[in-house]
N, C-alpha and C. Protein backbone atom coordinates (compact mmCIF):
# COMPACT_ATOMS: atom_id res chain seq x y z
N MET A 1 82.98 96.63 110.80
CA MET A 1 82.39 95.39 110.37
C MET A 1 82.40 94.42 111.55
N LYS A 2 81.28 93.79 111.75
CA LYS A 2 81.16 92.81 112.83
C LYS A 2 80.52 91.56 112.27
N PHE A 3 80.92 90.42 112.81
CA PHE A 3 80.31 89.15 112.41
C PHE A 3 79.34 88.72 113.50
N LEU A 4 78.15 88.31 113.08
CA LEU A 4 77.13 87.85 114.01
C LEU A 4 76.91 86.35 113.83
N CYS A 5 76.67 85.67 114.95
CA CYS A 5 76.35 84.25 114.94
C CYS A 5 74.93 84.09 114.40
N LEU A 6 74.75 83.24 113.40
CA LEU A 6 73.43 83.03 112.82
C LEU A 6 72.51 82.26 113.76
N GLN A 7 73.09 81.47 114.65
CA GLN A 7 72.27 80.66 115.55
C GLN A 7 71.68 81.46 116.69
N CYS A 8 72.48 82.34 117.28
CA CYS A 8 71.96 83.07 118.45
C CYS A 8 72.02 84.59 118.29
N ASP A 9 72.38 85.09 117.11
CA ASP A 9 72.39 86.51 116.81
C ASP A 9 73.26 87.32 117.76
N GLU A 10 74.36 86.73 118.19
CA GLU A 10 75.32 87.41 119.06
C GLU A 10 76.56 87.80 118.25
N ARG A 11 77.23 88.82 118.71
CA ARG A 11 78.46 89.26 118.06
C ARG A 11 79.54 88.21 118.26
N MET A 12 80.25 87.85 117.16
CA MET A 12 81.33 86.87 117.22
C MET A 12 82.57 87.55 117.80
N LYS A 13 83.36 86.77 118.52
CA LYS A 13 84.58 87.28 119.15
C LYS A 13 85.79 86.79 118.36
N LEU A 14 86.71 87.69 118.08
CA LEU A 14 87.95 87.33 117.40
C LEU A 14 88.78 86.46 118.33
N THR A 15 89.16 85.26 117.87
CA THR A 15 89.96 84.37 118.72
C THR A 15 91.38 84.19 118.20
N GLU A 16 91.59 84.44 116.92
CA GLU A 16 92.93 84.23 116.37
C GLU A 16 93.13 85.08 115.13
N LEU A 17 94.31 85.65 115.00
CA LEU A 17 94.70 86.40 113.82
C LEU A 17 96.14 86.04 113.53
N GLN A 18 96.38 85.37 112.42
CA GLN A 18 97.74 84.95 112.07
C GLN A 18 98.07 85.44 110.67
N ARG A 19 99.30 85.87 110.53
CA ARG A 19 99.82 86.24 109.21
C ARG A 19 101.01 85.33 108.96
N SER A 20 101.04 84.74 107.78
CA SER A 20 102.13 83.82 107.48
C SER A 20 103.11 84.45 106.51
N GLY A 21 104.24 83.79 106.33
CA GLY A 21 105.29 84.29 105.45
C GLY A 21 104.89 84.36 103.99
N ASP A 22 103.85 83.64 103.60
CA ASP A 22 103.41 83.66 102.20
C ASP A 22 102.38 84.76 101.96
N GLN A 23 102.31 85.74 102.85
CA GLN A 23 101.43 86.91 102.74
C GLN A 23 99.95 86.58 102.84
N THR A 24 99.61 85.42 103.42
CA THR A 24 98.21 85.10 103.66
C THR A 24 97.86 85.46 105.10
N MET A 25 96.58 85.50 105.37
CA MET A 25 96.12 85.85 106.71
C MET A 25 94.98 84.90 107.08
N THR A 26 95.03 84.41 108.32
CA THR A 26 93.96 83.57 108.84
C THR A 26 93.33 84.30 110.02
N VAL A 27 92.00 84.38 110.01
CA VAL A 27 91.27 85.04 111.08
C VAL A 27 90.21 84.06 111.58
N ALA A 28 90.16 83.82 112.88
CA ALA A 28 89.17 82.89 113.46
C ALA A 28 88.28 83.64 114.44
N PHE A 29 86.99 83.27 114.43
CA PHE A 29 86.00 83.89 115.30
C PHE A 29 85.23 82.79 116.04
N GLU A 30 84.68 83.17 117.21
CA GLU A 30 83.88 82.23 118.00
C GLU A 30 82.73 82.99 118.64
N CYS A 31 81.59 82.32 118.72
CA CYS A 31 80.43 82.88 119.40
C CYS A 31 80.58 82.58 120.89
N ALA A 32 80.54 83.61 121.71
CA ALA A 32 80.69 83.42 123.16
C ALA A 32 79.49 82.71 123.77
N THR A 33 78.33 82.79 123.14
CA THR A 33 77.12 82.18 123.68
C THR A 33 77.02 80.70 123.37
N CYS A 34 77.11 80.34 122.07
CA CYS A 34 76.89 78.93 121.69
C CYS A 34 78.17 78.19 121.31
N GLY A 35 79.29 78.91 121.18
CA GLY A 35 80.56 78.26 120.87
C GLY A 35 80.79 78.01 119.39
N PHE A 36 79.90 78.46 118.50
CA PHE A 36 80.07 78.27 117.07
C PHE A 36 81.34 78.99 116.62
N GLU A 37 82.14 78.33 115.78
CA GLU A 37 83.40 78.91 115.31
C GLU A 37 83.41 78.92 113.78
N PHE A 38 84.16 79.88 113.25
CA PHE A 38 84.46 79.86 111.82
C PHE A 38 85.79 80.58 111.61
N ALA A 39 86.41 80.27 110.48
CA ALA A 39 87.70 80.87 110.15
C ALA A 39 87.66 81.42 108.74
N LEU A 40 88.49 82.39 108.51
CA LEU A 40 88.61 83.03 107.21
C LEU A 40 90.06 82.96 106.80
N LEU A 41 90.33 82.49 105.60
CA LEU A 41 91.68 82.45 105.05
C LEU A 41 91.73 83.42 103.89
N ALA A 42 92.56 84.44 103.99
CA ALA A 42 92.66 85.46 102.95
C ALA A 42 93.94 85.23 102.16
N ASN A 43 93.83 85.26 100.82
CA ASN A 43 95.01 85.11 99.97
C ASN A 43 95.83 86.41 100.01
N PRO A 44 97.03 86.43 99.41
CA PRO A 44 97.88 87.63 99.50
C PRO A 44 97.20 88.91 99.01
N MET A 45 96.43 88.81 97.92
CA MET A 45 95.78 90.02 97.39
C MET A 45 94.70 90.51 98.36
N GLU A 46 93.95 89.59 98.91
CA GLU A 46 92.91 89.98 99.88
C GLU A 46 93.54 90.55 101.14
N THR A 47 94.65 89.96 101.57
CA THR A 47 95.35 90.46 102.75
C THR A 47 95.83 91.89 102.51
N GLN A 48 96.39 92.15 101.34
CA GLN A 48 96.85 93.50 101.00
C GLN A 48 95.68 94.47 100.96
N PHE A 49 94.55 94.02 100.44
CA PHE A 49 93.37 94.87 100.39
C PHE A 49 92.91 95.25 101.80
N VAL A 50 92.83 94.27 102.69
CA VAL A 50 92.42 94.52 104.07
C VAL A 50 93.40 95.50 104.73
N ASP A 51 94.70 95.30 104.50
CA ASP A 51 95.70 96.20 105.07
C ASP A 51 95.53 97.62 104.54
N SER A 52 95.18 97.75 103.26
CA SER A 52 95.03 99.08 102.67
C SER A 52 93.84 99.84 103.26
N LEU A 53 92.85 99.11 103.77
CA LEU A 53 91.69 99.76 104.39
C LEU A 53 92.03 100.34 105.75
N ASP A 54 93.16 99.92 106.32
CA ASP A 54 93.60 100.38 107.64
C ASP A 54 92.50 100.14 108.68
N TYR A 55 91.90 98.97 108.59
CA TYR A 55 90.77 98.64 109.46
C TYR A 55 91.22 98.26 110.87
N GLY A 56 92.33 97.57 111.01
CA GLY A 56 92.81 97.18 112.33
C GLY A 56 92.05 95.99 112.86
N LEU A 57 92.18 94.83 112.23
CA LEU A 57 91.49 93.63 112.69
C LEU A 57 91.84 93.33 114.14
N GLY A 58 90.84 92.98 114.90
CA GLY A 58 91.06 92.63 116.29
C GLY A 58 90.91 93.79 117.24
N GLY A 59 90.58 94.94 116.72
CA GLY A 59 90.40 96.10 117.59
C GLY A 59 91.69 96.89 117.74
N ARG A 60 91.57 98.06 118.28
CA ARG A 60 92.69 98.98 118.41
C ARG A 60 93.09 99.06 119.87
N VAL A 61 94.41 99.02 120.10
CA VAL A 61 94.92 99.10 121.45
C VAL A 61 95.26 100.55 121.81
N VAL A 62 95.80 101.29 120.84
CA VAL A 62 96.17 102.68 121.07
C VAL A 62 95.35 103.57 120.15
N PRO A 63 95.13 104.82 120.52
CA PRO A 63 94.37 105.72 119.64
C PRO A 63 95.15 106.03 118.36
N LYS A 64 94.41 106.40 117.31
CA LYS A 64 95.05 106.76 116.04
C LYS A 64 96.00 107.94 116.25
N GLN A 65 97.09 107.90 115.50
CA GLN A 65 98.08 108.97 115.55
C GLN A 65 97.99 109.81 114.28
N PRO A 66 98.42 111.08 114.35
CA PRO A 66 98.40 111.91 113.14
C PRO A 66 99.25 111.28 112.03
N LEU A 67 98.72 111.28 110.81
CA LEU A 67 99.40 110.75 109.62
C LEU A 67 99.82 109.29 109.80
N GLU A 68 99.07 108.53 110.57
CA GLU A 68 99.42 107.15 110.86
C GLU A 68 99.52 106.30 109.60
N LEU A 69 98.56 106.43 108.71
CA LEU A 69 98.57 105.63 107.49
C LEU A 69 99.78 105.97 106.64
N VAL A 70 100.12 107.24 106.52
CA VAL A 70 101.29 107.65 105.74
C VAL A 70 102.56 107.09 106.37
N ARG A 71 102.68 107.21 107.68
CA ARG A 71 103.87 106.69 108.37
C ARG A 71 104.00 105.19 108.18
N LYS A 72 102.87 104.48 108.27
CA LYS A 72 102.90 103.03 108.12
C LYS A 72 103.36 102.65 106.72
N ASN A 73 102.88 103.37 105.72
CA ASN A 73 103.25 103.05 104.35
C ASN A 73 104.69 103.42 104.02
N LEU A 74 105.24 104.37 104.73
CA LEU A 74 106.62 104.78 104.50
C LEU A 74 107.61 104.03 105.38
N ALA A 75 107.14 103.24 106.31
CA ALA A 75 108.02 102.58 107.28
C ALA A 75 109.04 101.66 106.64
N ASP A 76 108.67 101.02 105.54
CA ASP A 76 109.59 100.08 104.90
C ASP A 76 110.29 100.67 103.69
N GLY A 77 110.39 101.98 103.64
CA GLY A 77 111.03 102.63 102.50
C GLY A 77 112.52 102.36 102.46
N ARG A 78 113.12 102.73 101.36
CA ARG A 78 114.57 102.53 101.20
C ARG A 78 115.31 103.40 102.20
N SER A 79 116.35 102.84 102.81
CA SER A 79 117.13 103.59 103.79
C SER A 79 117.95 104.69 103.14
N ASP A 80 118.26 104.55 101.85
CA ASP A 80 119.09 105.54 101.18
C ASP A 80 118.28 106.49 100.29
N ALA A 81 116.97 106.54 100.47
CA ALA A 81 116.10 107.31 99.58
C ALA A 81 116.45 108.79 99.55
N PHE A 82 116.91 109.36 100.65
CA PHE A 82 117.17 110.79 100.71
C PHE A 82 118.65 111.12 100.84
N LYS A 83 119.51 110.15 100.60
CA LYS A 83 120.95 110.40 100.65
C LYS A 83 121.41 110.96 99.31
N GLU A 84 122.31 111.93 99.39
CA GLU A 84 122.86 112.51 98.18
C GLU A 84 123.87 111.54 97.57
N SER A 85 123.84 111.44 96.26
CA SER A 85 124.76 110.57 95.55
C SER A 85 126.03 111.33 95.23
N ASP A 86 127.16 110.65 95.24
CA ASP A 86 128.43 111.26 94.87
C ASP A 86 128.55 111.42 93.36
N VAL A 87 127.74 110.64 92.62
CA VAL A 87 127.78 110.67 91.16
C VAL A 87 126.68 111.60 90.67
N PRO A 88 127.04 112.58 89.83
CA PRO A 88 126.01 113.48 89.31
C PRO A 88 125.00 112.71 88.47
N PRO A 89 123.73 113.14 88.47
CA PRO A 89 122.69 112.40 87.74
C PRO A 89 123.01 112.18 86.27
N GLU A 90 123.62 113.19 85.62
CA GLU A 90 123.92 113.02 84.19
C GLU A 90 125.00 111.96 83.96
N ALA A 91 125.88 111.75 84.93
CA ALA A 91 126.91 110.72 84.80
C ALA A 91 126.34 109.35 85.13
N ALA A 92 125.34 109.32 85.99
CA ALA A 92 124.75 108.04 86.39
C ALA A 92 123.85 107.48 85.30
N ALA A 93 123.28 108.36 84.50
CA ALA A 93 122.39 107.89 83.44
C ALA A 93 123.20 107.21 82.35
N LYS A 94 122.79 106.01 82.00
CA LYS A 94 123.48 105.25 80.97
C LYS A 94 123.07 105.79 79.61
N PRO A 95 124.06 106.13 78.77
CA PRO A 95 123.68 106.64 77.45
C PRO A 95 122.99 105.56 76.63
N ARG A 96 121.96 105.95 75.92
CA ARG A 96 121.21 105.00 75.11
C ARG A 96 121.96 104.75 73.82
N GLN A 97 122.08 103.49 73.49
CA GLN A 97 122.75 103.08 72.27
C GLN A 97 121.88 103.45 71.07
N ALA A 98 122.50 104.07 70.08
CA ALA A 98 121.77 104.41 68.86
C ALA A 98 121.53 103.14 68.05
N VAL A 99 120.32 102.99 67.55
CA VAL A 99 119.97 101.84 66.73
C VAL A 99 119.47 102.36 65.39
N GLU A 100 120.07 101.88 64.33
CA GLU A 100 119.67 102.27 62.98
C GLU A 100 118.73 101.22 62.41
N TRP A 101 117.93 101.64 61.44
CA TRP A 101 117.00 100.74 60.76
C TRP A 101 117.40 100.68 59.29
N SER A 102 117.57 99.47 58.77
CA SER A 102 117.87 99.31 57.35
C SER A 102 116.64 99.71 56.54
N LEU A 103 116.85 100.00 55.25
CA LEU A 103 115.75 100.39 54.38
C LEU A 103 114.69 99.28 54.30
N GLU A 104 115.15 98.04 54.22
CA GLU A 104 114.23 96.90 54.14
C GLU A 104 113.42 96.78 55.44
N ALA A 105 114.07 96.98 56.58
CA ALA A 105 113.38 96.88 57.87
C ALA A 105 112.35 98.01 58.01
N ARG A 106 112.70 99.21 57.53
CA ARG A 106 111.76 100.33 57.58
C ARG A 106 110.54 100.06 56.69
N ASP A 107 110.80 99.48 55.51
CA ASP A 107 109.69 99.14 54.62
C ASP A 107 108.77 98.12 55.28
N ARG A 108 109.36 97.16 55.95
CA ARG A 108 108.57 96.13 56.63
C ARG A 108 107.77 96.74 57.78
N LEU A 109 108.39 97.67 58.49
CA LEU A 109 107.71 98.34 59.60
C LEU A 109 106.51 99.16 59.10
N GLU A 110 106.61 99.72 57.90
CA GLU A 110 105.52 100.51 57.32
C GLU A 110 104.28 99.66 57.06
N LYS A 111 104.45 98.34 56.93
CA LYS A 111 103.31 97.45 56.67
C LYS A 111 102.50 97.15 57.94
N VAL A 112 103.07 97.51 59.11
CA VAL A 112 102.37 97.33 60.39
C VAL A 112 101.29 98.41 60.47
N PRO A 113 100.08 98.08 60.91
CA PRO A 113 99.03 99.11 61.04
C PRO A 113 99.52 100.29 61.88
N SER A 114 99.13 101.47 61.48
CA SER A 114 99.65 102.70 62.09
C SER A 114 99.41 102.76 63.60
N PHE A 115 98.27 102.23 64.07
CA PHE A 115 97.98 102.30 65.50
C PHE A 115 98.92 101.45 66.34
N ALA A 116 99.58 100.45 65.72
CA ALA A 116 100.49 99.56 66.46
C ALA A 116 101.95 99.78 66.10
N ARG A 117 102.22 100.62 65.13
CA ARG A 117 103.57 100.79 64.61
C ARG A 117 104.56 101.26 65.67
N GLY A 118 104.16 102.22 66.48
CA GLY A 118 105.07 102.73 67.51
C GLY A 118 105.47 101.65 68.51
N MET A 119 104.50 100.85 68.93
CA MET A 119 104.77 99.77 69.88
C MET A 119 105.70 98.73 69.26
N VAL A 120 105.44 98.37 68.01
CA VAL A 120 106.27 97.37 67.33
C VAL A 120 107.70 97.89 67.17
N LYS A 121 107.82 99.16 66.79
CA LYS A 121 109.15 99.76 66.64
C LYS A 121 109.89 99.74 67.97
N ARG A 122 109.19 100.04 69.04
CA ARG A 122 109.80 100.04 70.37
C ARG A 122 110.28 98.64 70.76
N ILE A 123 109.48 97.61 70.47
CA ILE A 123 109.85 96.23 70.80
C ILE A 123 111.14 95.86 70.09
N TYR A 124 111.22 96.15 68.78
CA TYR A 124 112.42 95.80 68.02
C TYR A 124 113.63 96.63 68.45
N THR A 125 113.41 97.90 68.73
CA THR A 125 114.51 98.76 69.16
C THR A 125 115.05 98.31 70.50
N ASP A 126 114.18 98.01 71.46
CA ASP A 126 114.63 97.52 72.77
C ASP A 126 115.36 96.20 72.63
N TYR A 127 114.84 95.32 71.78
CA TYR A 127 115.48 94.03 71.53
C TYR A 127 116.91 94.25 71.03
N ALA A 128 117.06 95.14 70.06
CA ALA A 128 118.39 95.41 69.50
C ALA A 128 119.33 96.02 70.54
N ARG A 129 118.85 96.97 71.30
CA ARG A 129 119.70 97.60 72.34
C ARG A 129 120.17 96.59 73.37
N GLU A 130 119.25 95.72 73.83
CA GLU A 130 119.61 94.74 74.84
C GLU A 130 120.68 93.78 74.36
N ARG A 131 120.77 93.58 73.04
CA ARG A 131 121.72 92.62 72.48
C ARG A 131 122.89 93.29 71.79
N GLY A 132 122.97 94.61 71.87
CA GLY A 132 124.08 95.33 71.28
C GLY A 132 124.05 95.37 69.75
N ILE A 133 122.87 95.22 69.18
CA ILE A 133 122.71 95.24 67.72
C ILE A 133 122.57 96.70 67.29
N GLU A 134 123.42 97.12 66.33
CA GLU A 134 123.41 98.51 65.91
C GLU A 134 122.50 98.77 64.72
N MET A 135 122.21 97.72 63.91
CA MET A 135 121.38 97.89 62.73
C MET A 135 120.28 96.84 62.73
N ILE A 136 119.04 97.32 62.69
CA ILE A 136 117.90 96.41 62.62
C ILE A 136 117.63 96.10 61.15
N THR A 137 117.64 94.81 60.85
CA THR A 137 117.37 94.32 59.51
C THR A 137 116.16 93.39 59.57
N PRO A 138 115.62 92.97 58.44
CA PRO A 138 114.54 91.98 58.48
C PRO A 138 114.95 90.69 59.20
N VAL A 139 116.21 90.31 59.09
CA VAL A 139 116.70 89.13 59.81
C VAL A 139 116.62 89.36 61.32
N THR A 140 117.01 90.54 61.77
CA THR A 140 116.92 90.90 63.19
C THR A 140 115.47 90.84 63.65
N MET A 141 114.57 91.33 62.82
CA MET A 141 113.15 91.33 63.16
C MET A 141 112.63 89.90 63.29
N ASP A 142 113.07 89.02 62.37
CA ASP A 142 112.66 87.61 62.45
C ASP A 142 113.19 86.95 63.71
N GLN A 143 114.45 87.25 64.05
CA GLN A 143 115.04 86.68 65.27
C GLN A 143 114.28 87.17 66.50
N ALA A 144 113.95 88.45 66.54
CA ALA A 144 113.22 89.02 67.68
C ALA A 144 111.85 88.35 67.80
N ARG A 145 111.15 88.19 66.69
CA ARG A 145 109.83 87.56 66.71
C ARG A 145 109.92 86.15 67.27
N ALA A 146 110.95 85.41 66.85
CA ALA A 146 111.11 84.03 67.32
C ALA A 146 111.47 83.99 68.80
N GLU A 147 112.42 84.82 69.22
CA GLU A 147 112.87 84.81 70.62
C GLU A 147 111.80 85.34 71.58
N LEU A 148 111.04 86.31 71.13
CA LEU A 148 110.03 86.93 72.00
C LEU A 148 108.67 86.23 71.89
N GLY A 149 108.60 85.21 71.03
CA GLY A 149 107.34 84.46 70.91
C GLY A 149 106.25 85.25 70.20
N LEU A 150 106.62 86.03 69.20
CA LEU A 150 105.66 86.88 68.49
C LEU A 150 105.31 86.36 67.11
N GLU A 151 105.65 85.12 66.79
CA GLU A 151 105.43 84.59 65.44
C GLU A 151 103.97 84.63 65.03
N ASP A 152 103.07 84.39 65.96
CA ASP A 152 101.64 84.32 65.62
C ASP A 152 100.96 85.68 65.61
N MET A 153 101.71 86.71 65.81
CA MET A 153 101.11 88.06 65.85
C MET A 153 101.29 88.74 64.51
């Protein structure tokens, strides 16, 4: 991609490329013939998009290397990603707390349309687990709706 000056139809020259801490990018161009300048400010999402294209704004100084894009994407990976853990996986996994449903709560759950019932059950079950509640009752369901802002649903 190249930018052309509309006044003299010459290729614009990159004069500045800055990346800031807020993940934005500023790119400035100037026409070598007439001196016309313009700048582009890219928001974080646009900056990430440009980076994903692996375009190399400003030109390339060194030739492409094998698997360069893969290496670049893995460069900031976790330092402990391939270290063996001293704790076996089955011991590291936290056992899931069993949550029971009262008869009244189950009856109320049956009134939820079938296409949404699984999602609703999951919301209430997760709510109960996070709070150490062992039995879901209609009162628990009302509390969850109020705390999670689901009253109007």
